[in-house]
Amino acid sequence: MNLSDVLKTLNSASAFELDRMRAAIDRVLDEPRWVLAVQSRLQVGHFEDYFDT
């Protein structure tokens, strides 16, 4: 996914559309399968990259 393209699209979205998208993203990220998928890949001594807003 190209972040530049996503940002261009989001800049033209209405506040209502942005709020709906935020709710959808939050719902997907809160699903236990995402947390379990991340936890299953973590290992002691393994370096990870992350994004902190």
C-alpha atoms as a PDB file:
ATOM      1  CA  MET A   1       0.000   0.000   0.000  1.00  0.00           C
ATOM      2  CA  ASN A   2       1.422   3.364  -1.005  1.00  0.00           C
ATOM      3  CA  LEU A   3       1.151   5.774   1.929  1.00  0.00           C
ATOM      4  CA  SER A   4       1.332   8.841  -0.332  1.00  0.00           C
ATOM      5  CA  ASP A   5      -1.709   7.676  -2.283  1.00  0.00           C
ATOM      6  CA  VAL A   6      -3.600   6.899   0.920  1.00  0.00           C
ATOM      7  CA  LEU A   7      -2.871  10.369   2.320  1.00  0.00           C
ATOM      8  CA  LYS A   8      -3.982  12.041  -0.909  1.00  0.00           C
ATOM      9  CA  THR A   9      -7.269  10.161  -0.750  1.00  0.00           C
ATOM     10  CA  LEU A  10      -7.767  10.936   2.945  1.00  0.00           C
ATOM     11  CA  ASN A  11      -7.169  14.643   2.339  1.00  0.00           C
ATOM     12  CA  SER A  12     -10.204  14.725   0.064  1.00  0.00           C
ATOM     13  CA  ALA A  13     -12.460  12.756   2.454  1.00  0.00           C
ATOM     14  CA  SER A  14     -15.169  14.404   4.541  1.00  0.00           C
ATOM     15  CA  ALA A  15     -15.033  14.412   8.340  1.00  0.00           C
ATOM     16  CA  PHE A  16     -17.847  11.853   8.340  1.00  0.00           C
ATOM     17  CA  GLU A  17     -15.926   9.513   6.024  1.00  0.00           C
ATOM     18  CA  LEU A  18     -12.758   9.881   8.110  1.00  0.00           C
ATOM     19  CA  ASP A  19     -14.631   9.084  11.307  1.00  0.00           C
ATOM     20  CA  ARG A  20     -16.190   5.980   9.749  1.00  0.00           C
ATOM     21  CA  MET A  21     -12.783   4.852   8.521  1.00  0.00           C
ATOM     22  CA  ARG A  22     -11.228   5.378  11.966  1.00  0.00           C
ATOM     23  CA  ALA A  23     -13.983   3.286  13.556  1.00  0.00           C
ATOM     24  CA  ALA A  24     -13.451   0.498  11.022  1.00  0.00           C
ATOM     25  CA  ILE A  25      -9.681   0.480  11.516  1.00  0.00           C
ATOM     26  CA  ASP A  26     -10.034   0.480  15.302  1.00  0.00           C
ATOM     27  CA  ARG A  27     -12.457  -2.439  15.121  1.00  0.00           C
ATOM     28  CA  VAL A  28     -10.088  -4.498  12.960  1.00  0.00           C
ATOM     29  CA  LEU A  29      -7.030  -3.727  15.102  1.00  0.00           C
ATOM     30  CA  ASP A  30      -8.890  -4.631  18.292  1.00  0.00           C
ATOM     31  CA  GLU A  31      -9.613  -8.147  17.037  1.00  0.00           C
ATOM     32  CA  PRO A  32      -7.805 -10.735  19.172  1.00  0.00           C
ATOM     33  CA  ARG A  33      -6.390 -12.499  16.112  1.00  0.00           C
ATOM     34  CA  TRP A  34      -4.198  -9.466  15.323  1.00  0.00           C
ATOM     35  CA  VAL A  35      -2.775  -9.364  18.845  1.00  0.00           C
ATOM     36  CA  LEU A  36      -2.204 -13.123  18.812  1.00  0.00           C
ATOM     37  CA  ALA A  37      -0.503 -12.944  15.415  1.00  0.00           C
ATOM     38  CA  VAL A  38       1.940 -10.337  16.679  1.00  0.00           C
ATOM     39  CA  GLN A  39       2.576 -12.133  19.959  1.00  0.00           C
ATOM     40  CA  SER A  40       3.253 -15.435  18.192  1.00  0.00           C
ATOM     41  CA  ARG A  41       6.041 -13.829  16.142  1.00  0.00           C
ATOM     42  CA  LEU A  42       7.857 -12.094  19.005  1.00  0.00           C
ATOM     43  CA  GLN A  43      11.044 -13.719  20.220  1.00  0.00           C
ATOM     44  CA  VAL A  44      13.549 -12.716  22.897  1.00  0.00           C
ATOM     45  CA  GLY A  45      16.465 -10.907  21.266  1.00  0.00           C
ATOM     46  CA  HIS A  46      14.582 -10.330  18.041  1.00  0.00           C
ATOM     47  CA  PHE A  47      14.608  -6.715  16.817  1.00  0.00           C
ATOM     48  CA  GLU A  48      11.334  -5.207  15.618  1.00  0.00           C
ATOM     49  CA  ASP A  49      10.506  -2.008  13.777  1.00  0.00           C
ATOM     50  CA  TYR A  50       7.459  -0.083  14.872  1.00  0.00           C
ATOM     51  CA  PHE A  51       5.612   3.124  14.080  1.00  0.00           C
ATOM     52  CA  ASP A  52       4.897   5.548  16.888  1.00  0.00           C
ATOM     53  CA  THR A  53       2.676   8.505  16.087  1.00  0.00           C
END
